[in-house]
Amino acid sequence: MAPYFWPAMWEQRRICIAQTLYQHRVQKVLDVGCGEGNVLAFLVAPGPNDEHPIVQLYGIDIDANALLAARDRLLPDEADRRDLRVDPLSVQLFHGDATMHVPSISPDAVVCSEVIEHISETDEVPALTRAILGSYRPRLAVFTTPNAEFNVNFPALAYGMPNAQFRHSDHKFEWTREQFGAWAAQAASMYGYTVELRGIGFSMRNAADDFKPNGGCSQMAVFVRKEPDTSALASDTASEAAPHLFAQFEYPVYPSPPLKDQALLVLVQSAAKDICDGQRVFRLGALWDVLEVKQQFKRLQALHIWLRACASAFAPLSAAATDQDCAFKLI
């Protein structure tokens, strides 16, 4: 069996991107070079921190056919209309050259995943870097690109040989870790960011005996804007050539107002009965996973406070800190 990544490389990359976004509590995310919407679709699902949900997703790509696929993938479906979200989510897709700034987009974070290797290293990479770090100026920017040094583990690519090939026929270049680090350090210094370099995909299952751990298969640069932002850079002026809106839609949200006191108590008691053990004990996290309960309370902490206030119906069995593993007993 040929060597392979587990989880798959694409999944590892998207997980790393999502975890980084969640860690920085961003709520508006722009995906530059979004293609068919793979990263955006990964971010549609609610994140782990319900106090800072992602409520706005933007995508830009120069390929209209890819944007059609992204639109179809991201459009709310029957499940979205049935299982209504507790927080709003807007999606806007733009068609055009991502090196041009779109003033109407104001992201907390920008993702540029597996894009820069597809454009000119000498002209377009600096322009894209300026657009992201110099014009949008998000407080967080995440770039990923292949690590050329890892190619030694793909014999067909003949890494280091005169007949060496890139991983994809459309790649214009592939950077080593040193080259990627040099670009990241220069960009961070120029635009007022700190930067951290990370690797993604360090090992392969069924790897050859001569497997070389040359960093991760993919490499990531995480830029964090310095605070306070003292940059005097001005945003590019909008023009007719700037990317234009291609598609826009909203995800359905659970309506207000919530249930009244008695009806709410009946709902929670019923949900708790379904998940509790033989001792009538249930975890806060398990109750929070019940969609109807989440729709009523919207925030985990609000549910936790409410349960503790209903002393005649629920008895806390653990400390007061909001923890999904804390337990209650159904009285």
Protein backbone atom coordinates (compact mmCIF):
# COMPACT_ATOMS: atom_id res chain seq x y z
CA MET A 1 0.00 0.00 0.00
CA ALA A 2 1.27 3.45 -0.89
CA PRO A 3 2.07 5.93 1.92
CA TYR A 4 -0.81 8.16 2.97
CA PHE A 5 -1.77 10.77 5.57
CA TRP A 6 -4.32 10.09 8.28
CA PRO A 7 -6.36 12.18 8.69
CA ALA A 8 -6.07 13.20 5.06
CA MET A 9 -3.75 16.14 4.40
CA TRP A 10 -6.61 18.41 3.34
CA GLU A 11 -8.46 17.64 6.56
CA GLN A 12 -5.41 18.26 8.75
CA ARG A 13 -4.88 21.60 7.03
CA ARG A 14 -8.47 22.74 7.46
CA ILE A 15 -8.52 21.66 11.10
CA CYS A 16 -5.35 23.68 11.77
CA ILE A 17 -6.83 26.72 10.04
CA ALA A 18 -10.13 26.46 11.91
CA GLN A 19 -8.47 25.93 15.29
CA THR A 20 -6.29 28.99 14.72
CA LEU A 21 -9.32 31.11 13.86
CA TYR A 22 -11.24 29.87 16.90
CA GLN A 23 -8.24 30.47 19.16
CA HIS A 24 -8.19 34.13 18.12
CA ARG A 25 -11.97 34.52 18.48
CA VAL A 26 -12.52 36.01 15.06
CA GLN A 27 -16.06 36.52 13.79
CA LYS A 28 -15.58 37.77 10.21
CA VAL A 29 -13.35 35.67 7.93
CA LEU A 30 -12.20 36.30 4.36
CA ASP A 31 -10.89 33.35 2.33
CA VAL A 32 -8.64 34.66 -0.45
CA GLY A 33 -8.52 32.25 -3.37
CA CYS A 34 -11.49 30.37 -1.94
CA GLY A 35 -11.90 28.15 -5.00
CA GLU A 36 -14.82 25.76 -4.60
CA GLY A 37 -15.41 26.86 -1.01
CA ASN A 38 -13.71 23.98 0.80
CA VAL A 39 -12.34 26.05 3.68
CA LEU A 40 -15.48 28.19 3.91
CA ALA A 41 -17.68 25.09 4.09
CA PHE A 42 -15.50 23.83 6.95
CA LEU A 43 -16.20 27.08 8.82
CA VAL A 44 -19.98 27.05 8.36
CA ALA A 45 -20.43 24.64 11.26
CA PRO A 46 -20.56 26.46 14.63
CA GLY A 47 -17.20 26.59 16.40
CA PRO A 48 -16.44 25.50 19.97
CA ASN A 49 -16.63 29.01 21.48
CA ASP A 50 -20.27 30.06 21.33
CA GLU A 51 -19.44 33.44 22.88
CA HIS A 52 -17.53 34.40 19.71
CA PRO A 53 -19.26 32.71 16.76
CA ILE A 54 -18.23 33.28 13.16
CA VAL A 55 -21.07 35.38 11.73
CA GLN A 56 -19.63 36.55 8.39
CA LEU A 57 -17.76 34.60 5.72
CA TYR A 58 -16.28 36.18 2.59
CA GLY A 59 -14.65 34.44 -0.34
CA ILE A 60 -12.76 35.81 -3.35
CA ASP A 61 -11.64 33.90 -6.41
CA ILE A 62 -10.79 34.72 -10.01
CA ASP A 63 -12.35 31.49 -11.34
CA ALA A 64 -16.09 31.95 -11.93
CA ASN A 65 -16.67 28.22 -12.35
CA ALA A 66 -15.04 27.54 -8.99
CA LEU A 67 -17.29 30.20 -7.43
CA LEU A 68 -20.35 28.51 -8.90
CA ALA A 69 -19.30 25.32 -7.15
CA ALA A 70 -18.64 27.27 -3.94
CA ARG A 71 -22.07 28.88 -4.12
CA ASP A 72 -23.76 25.52 -4.57
CA ARG A 73 -21.77 24.01 -1.71
CA LEU A 74 -22.45 26.88 0.69
CA LEU A 75 -26.10 27.58 -0.05
CA PRO A 76 -28.32 26.71 2.95
CA ASP A 77 -30.01 23.37 2.36
CA GLU A 78 -33.02 21.56 3.81
CA ALA A 79 -31.09 20.58 6.94
CA ASP A 80 -30.19 24.23 7.56
CA ARG A 81 -33.84 25.20 7.27
CA ARG A 82 -34.86 22.40 9.62
CA ASP A 83 -32.11 22.66 12.25
CA LEU A 84 -32.09 26.42 12.71
CA ARG A 85 -28.89 28.10 13.90
CA VAL A 86 -28.76 30.17 17.07
CA ASP A 87 -26.43 32.79 15.55
CA PRO A 88 -26.68 34.52 12.17
CA LEU A 89 -24.28 33.66 9.38
CA SER A 90 -23.88 35.71 6.20
CA VAL A 91 -21.86 34.55 3.19
CA GLN A 92 -20.59 36.79 0.39
CA LEU A 93 -18.61 35.50 -2.59
CA PHE A 94 -16.67 37.90 -4.83
CA HIS A 95 -15.35 37.31 -8.35
CA GLY A 96 -12.12 38.93 -9.41
CA ASP A 97 -8.43 39.50 -8.80
CA ALA A 98 -7.66 38.92 -5.12
CA THR A 99 -4.66 41.25 -5.26
CA MET A 100 -7.13 44.14 -5.47
CA HIS A 101 -8.68 45.44 -2.27
CA VAL A 102 -12.48 45.37 -1.82
CA PRO A 103 -13.39 48.22 0.58
CA SER A 104 -16.74 46.67 1.53
CA ILE A 105 -14.97 43.67 3.08
CA SER A 106 -13.78 44.24 6.66
CA PRO A 107 -12.52 40.90 8.01
CA ASP A 108 -11.15 40.07 11.45
CA ALA A 109 -9.13 37.32 9.79
CA VAL A 110 -7.92 36.44 6.31
CA VAL A 111 -7.14 32.90 5.17
CA CYS A 112 -4.98 32.27 2.11
CA SER A 113 -4.60 28.51 1.90
CA GLU A 114 -2.61 26.75 -0.86
CA VAL A 115 -2.86 29.81 -3.12
CA ILE A 116 0.44 31.66 -3.35
CA GLU A 117 2.22 28.77 -5.07
CA HIS A 118 -0.24 29.16 -7.98
CA ILE A 119 0.74 32.77 -8.76
CA SER A 120 3.88 34.61 -9.85
CA GLU A 121 6.46 34.65 -7.06
CA THR A 122 8.05 37.90 -8.19
CA ASP A 123 4.99 40.03 -9.03
CA GLU A 124 1.73 38.59 -7.74
CA VAL A 125 2.87 37.27 -4.36
CA PRO A 126 4.02 40.76 -3.23
CA ALA A 127 0.76 42.26 -4.55
CA LEU A 128 -1.35 39.67 -2.73
CA THR A 129 0.68 40.14 0.46
CA ARG A 130 0.09 43.88 0.30
CA ALA A 131 -3.63 43.44 -0.34
CA ILE A 132 -4.04 41.16 2.67
CA LEU A 133 -1.64 42.64 5.23
CA GLY A 134 -1.43 46.19 3.92
CA SER A 135 -4.99 46.95 2.77
CA TYR A 136 -7.39 44.63 4.63
CA ARG A 137 -5.11 44.72 7.69
CA PRO A 138 -6.93 41.95 9.62
CA ARG A 139 -5.84 41.28 13.17
CA LEU A 140 -5.12 37.70 12.06
CA ALA A 141 -3.92 36.28 8.74
CA VAL A 142 -3.21 32.61 7.98
CA PHE A 143 -1.23 31.46 4.94
CA THR A 144 -0.48 27.87 4.00
CA THR A 145 1.66 26.54 1.16
CA PRO A 146 3.48 23.28 0.35
CA ASN A 147 6.84 22.61 1.99
CA ALA A 148 9.12 21.79 -0.92
CA GLU A 149 11.56 19.88 1.29
CA PHE A 150 8.91 17.29 2.09
CA ASN A 151 8.80 16.39 -1.62
CA VAL A 152 11.78 14.10 -1.09
CA ASN A 153 9.23 11.61 0.29
CA PHE A 154 7.37 11.55 -3.04
CA PRO A 155 9.75 9.67 -5.38
CA ALA A 156 7.81 10.61 -8.52
CA LEU A 157 8.64 14.28 -7.93
CA ALA A 158 12.42 13.63 -8.12
CA TYR A 159 13.11 16.35 -5.55
CA GLY A 160 16.62 17.80 -5.83
CA MET A 161 17.15 16.32 -9.30
CA PRO A 162 17.39 18.18 -12.64
CA ASN A 163 14.02 16.68 -13.64
CA ALA A 164 12.29 17.64 -10.37
CA GLN A 165 8.57 18.39 -10.55
CA PHE A 166 6.12 20.35 -8.41
CA ARG A 167 3.21 18.67 -6.64
CA HIS A 168 0.72 20.18 -9.06
CA SER A 169 1.14 21.15 -12.70
CA ASP A 170 -0.28 24.63 -11.98
CA HIS A 171 2.28 25.45 -9.26
CA LYS A 172 4.62 28.28 -10.23
CA PHE A 173 7.02 27.58 -7.33
CA GLU A 174 7.23 25.67 -4.05
CA TRP A 175 9.15 27.15 -1.13
CA THR A 176 11.47 25.47 1.32
CA ARG A 177 10.95 26.21 5.00
CA GLU A 178 13.78 28.75 4.87
CA GLN A 179 12.28 30.55 1.88
CA PHE A 180 8.81 30.59 3.42
CA GLY A 181 10.25 31.88 6.68
CA ALA A 182 12.16 34.65 4.92
CA TRP A 183 9.03 35.82 3.08
CA ALA A 184 6.96 35.69 6.30
CA ALA A 185 9.53 37.61 8.35
CA GLN A 186 9.86 40.32 5.71
CA ALA A 187 6.07 40.66 5.34
CA ALA A 188 5.56 40.82 9.11
CA SER A 189 8.19 43.53 9.46
CA MET A 190 6.88 45.55 6.53
CA TYR A 191 3.22 45.57 7.57
CA GLY A 192 3.40 45.57 11.37
CA TYR A 193 2.69 41.96 12.35
CA THR A 194 4.23 39.24 14.42
CA VAL A 195 4.44 35.86 12.70
CA GLU A 196 4.62 32.24 13.85
CA LEU A 197 5.55 29.38 11.51
CA ARG A 198 4.02 25.93 11.89
CA GLY A 199 4.09 22.64 10.04
CA ILE A 200 1.12 20.46 9.10
CA GLY A 201 1.34 16.75 8.31
CA PHE A 202 4.58 15.43 9.80
CA SER A 203 4.17 11.69 9.30
CA MET A 204 2.67 9.28 6.82
CA ARG A 205 1.22 5.85 7.38
CA ASN A 206 2.94 3.04 5.52
CA ALA A 207 5.91 5.36 4.94
CA ALA A 208 9.07 4.02 3.31
CA ASP A 209 12.02 3.02 5.50
CA ASP A 210 13.96 6.02 4.22
CA PHE A 211 11.19 8.50 5.11
CA LYS A 212 12.72 11.90 5.84
CA PRO A 213 10.99 14.08 8.46
CA ASN A 214 11.70 17.37 6.70
CA GLY A 215 9.09 19.37 8.59
CA GLY A 216 5.41 19.21 7.68
CA CYS A 217 4.07 18.38 4.24
CA SER A 218 2.37 21.78 4.35
CA GLN A 219 3.61 24.88 6.14
CA MET A 220 1.61 27.63 7.81
CA ALA A 221 2.36 31.24 8.71
CA VAL A 222 0.13 32.84 11.35
CA PHE A 223 0.33 36.65 11.30
CA VAL A 224 -1.02 38.63 14.27
CA ARG A 225 -1.29 42.38 13.87
CA LYS A 226 0.63 44.33 16.47
CA GLU A 227 -1.50 46.31 18.89
CA PRO A 228 -2.04 49.15 18.82
CA ASP A 229 -2.01 49.35 15.04
CA THR A 230 0.32 52.26 14.25
CA SER A 231 0.58 51.60 10.52
CA ALA A 232 0.06 54.61 8.24
CA LEU A 233 -0.66 52.45 5.20
CA ALA A 234 -3.73 53.48 3.23
CA SER A 235 -6.16 51.07 1.62
CA ASP A 236 -6.09 50.81 -2.14
CA THR A 237 -8.69 52.91 -3.93
CA ALA A 238 -11.65 50.96 -5.27
CA SER A 239 -11.89 50.64 -9.05
CA GLU A 240 -14.12 49.06 -11.64
CA ALA A 241 -11.60 46.23 -11.92
CA ALA A 242 -11.93 45.31 -8.23
CA PRO A 243 -13.67 42.01 -7.44
CA HIS A 244 -17.45 42.31 -7.60
CA LEU A 245 -20.16 40.55 -5.60
CA PHE A 246 -20.93 37.16 -7.13
CA ALA A 247 -23.35 35.62 -4.60
CA GLN A 248 -24.77 36.49 -1.21
CA PHE A 249 -27.04 34.63 1.21
CA GLU A 250 -28.00 34.29 4.85
CA TYR A 251 -28.43 31.14 6.90
CA PRO A 252 -31.80 30.69 8.65
CA VAL A 253 -31.77 31.56 12.36
CA TYR A 254 -34.03 30.37 15.17
CA PRO A 255 -36.63 33.09 15.83
CA SER A 256 -37.29 34.86 19.11
CA PRO A 257 -38.84 35.06 21.65
CA PRO A 258 -37.89 31.91 23.62
CA LEU A 259 -40.33 29.66 25.47
CA LYS A 260 -41.97 30.87 28.66
CA ASP A 261 -40.78 29.58 32.05
CA GLN A 262 -42.93 26.45 32.45
CA ALA A 263 -42.67 25.40 28.81
CA LEU A 264 -38.90 25.87 28.96
CA LEU A 265 -38.66 23.75 32.11
CA VAL A 266 -40.67 20.96 30.49
CA LEU A 267 -38.41 21.03 27.41
CA VAL A 268 -35.19 20.82 29.43
CA GLN A 269 -36.53 18.12 31.76
CA SER A 270 -37.60 16.03 28.79
CA ALA A 271 -34.21 16.45 27.10
CA ALA A 272 -32.40 15.62 30.35
CA LYS A 273 -34.43 12.41 30.79
CA ASP A 274 -33.39 11.27 27.33
CA ILE A 275 -29.68 11.63 28.04
CA CYS A 276 -29.31 10.86 31.76
CA ASP A 277 -27.93 7.58 33.07
CA GLY A 278 -29.53 5.11 35.46
CA GLN A 279 -28.78 7.45 38.36
CA ARG A 280 -30.61 10.32 36.57
CA VAL A 281 -27.29 12.12 36.08
CA PHE A 282 -26.40 14.01 32.89
CA ARG A 283 -23.53 16.19 31.68
CA LEU A 284 -23.99 19.83 30.79
CA GLY A 285 -22.28 19.25 27.43
CA ALA A 286 -24.65 16.43 26.52
CA LEU A 287 -27.66 18.61 27.28
CA TRP A 288 -26.12 21.45 25.25
CA ASP A 289 -25.88 19.12 22.26
CA VAL A 290 -29.67 18.93 22.13
CA LEU A 291 -30.53 21.43 19.39
CA GLU A 292 -33.85 22.54 20.87
CA VAL A 293 -32.10 23.38 24.16
CA LYS A 294 -29.32 25.27 22.38
CA GLN A 295 -31.89 27.25 20.38
CA GLN A 296 -33.56 28.41 23.60
CA PHE A 297 -30.46 29.41 25.56
CA LYS A 298 -28.09 30.37 22.71
CA ARG A 299 -25.06 30.33 25.05
CA LEU A 300 -23.68 27.47 27.13
CA GLN A 301 -23.08 29.74 30.10
CA ALA A 302 -26.71 30.90 30.04
CA LEU A 303 -27.88 27.27 30.23
CA HIS A 304 -25.47 26.57 33.07
CA ILE A 305 -26.70 29.54 35.11
CA TRP A 306 -30.34 28.59 34.47
CA LEU A 307 -29.81 24.97 35.58
CA ARG A 308 -28.25 26.12 38.85
CA ALA A 309 -31.14 28.51 39.43
CA CYS A 310 -33.66 25.67 39.03
CA ALA A 311 -32.67 24.01 42.32
CA SER A 312 -36.01 22.23 42.63
CA ALA A 313 -35.50 20.39 39.35
CA PHE A 314 -31.74 20.00 38.88
CA ALA A 315 -29.02 19.38 41.47
CA PRO A 316 -25.41 20.32 40.52
CA LEU A 317 -22.86 17.60 41.23
CA SER A 318 -19.68 19.53 40.39
CA ALA A 319 -17.98 22.91 40.74
CA ALA A 320 -19.64 26.11 39.58
CA ALA A 321 -17.26 26.81 36.69
CA THR A 322 -18.87 26.50 33.26
CA ASP A 323 -17.52 23.19 32.04
CA GLN A 324 -19.21 20.90 29.55
CA ASP A 325 -18.21 17.95 31.72
CA CYS A 326 -19.90 19.27 34.86
CA ALA A 327 -22.78 17.06 35.96
CA PHE A 328 -26.33 17.57 37.20
CA LYS A 329 -28.86 15.21 38.71
CA LEU A 330 -32.45 15.30 37.56
CA ILE A 331 -34.62 15.59 40.68
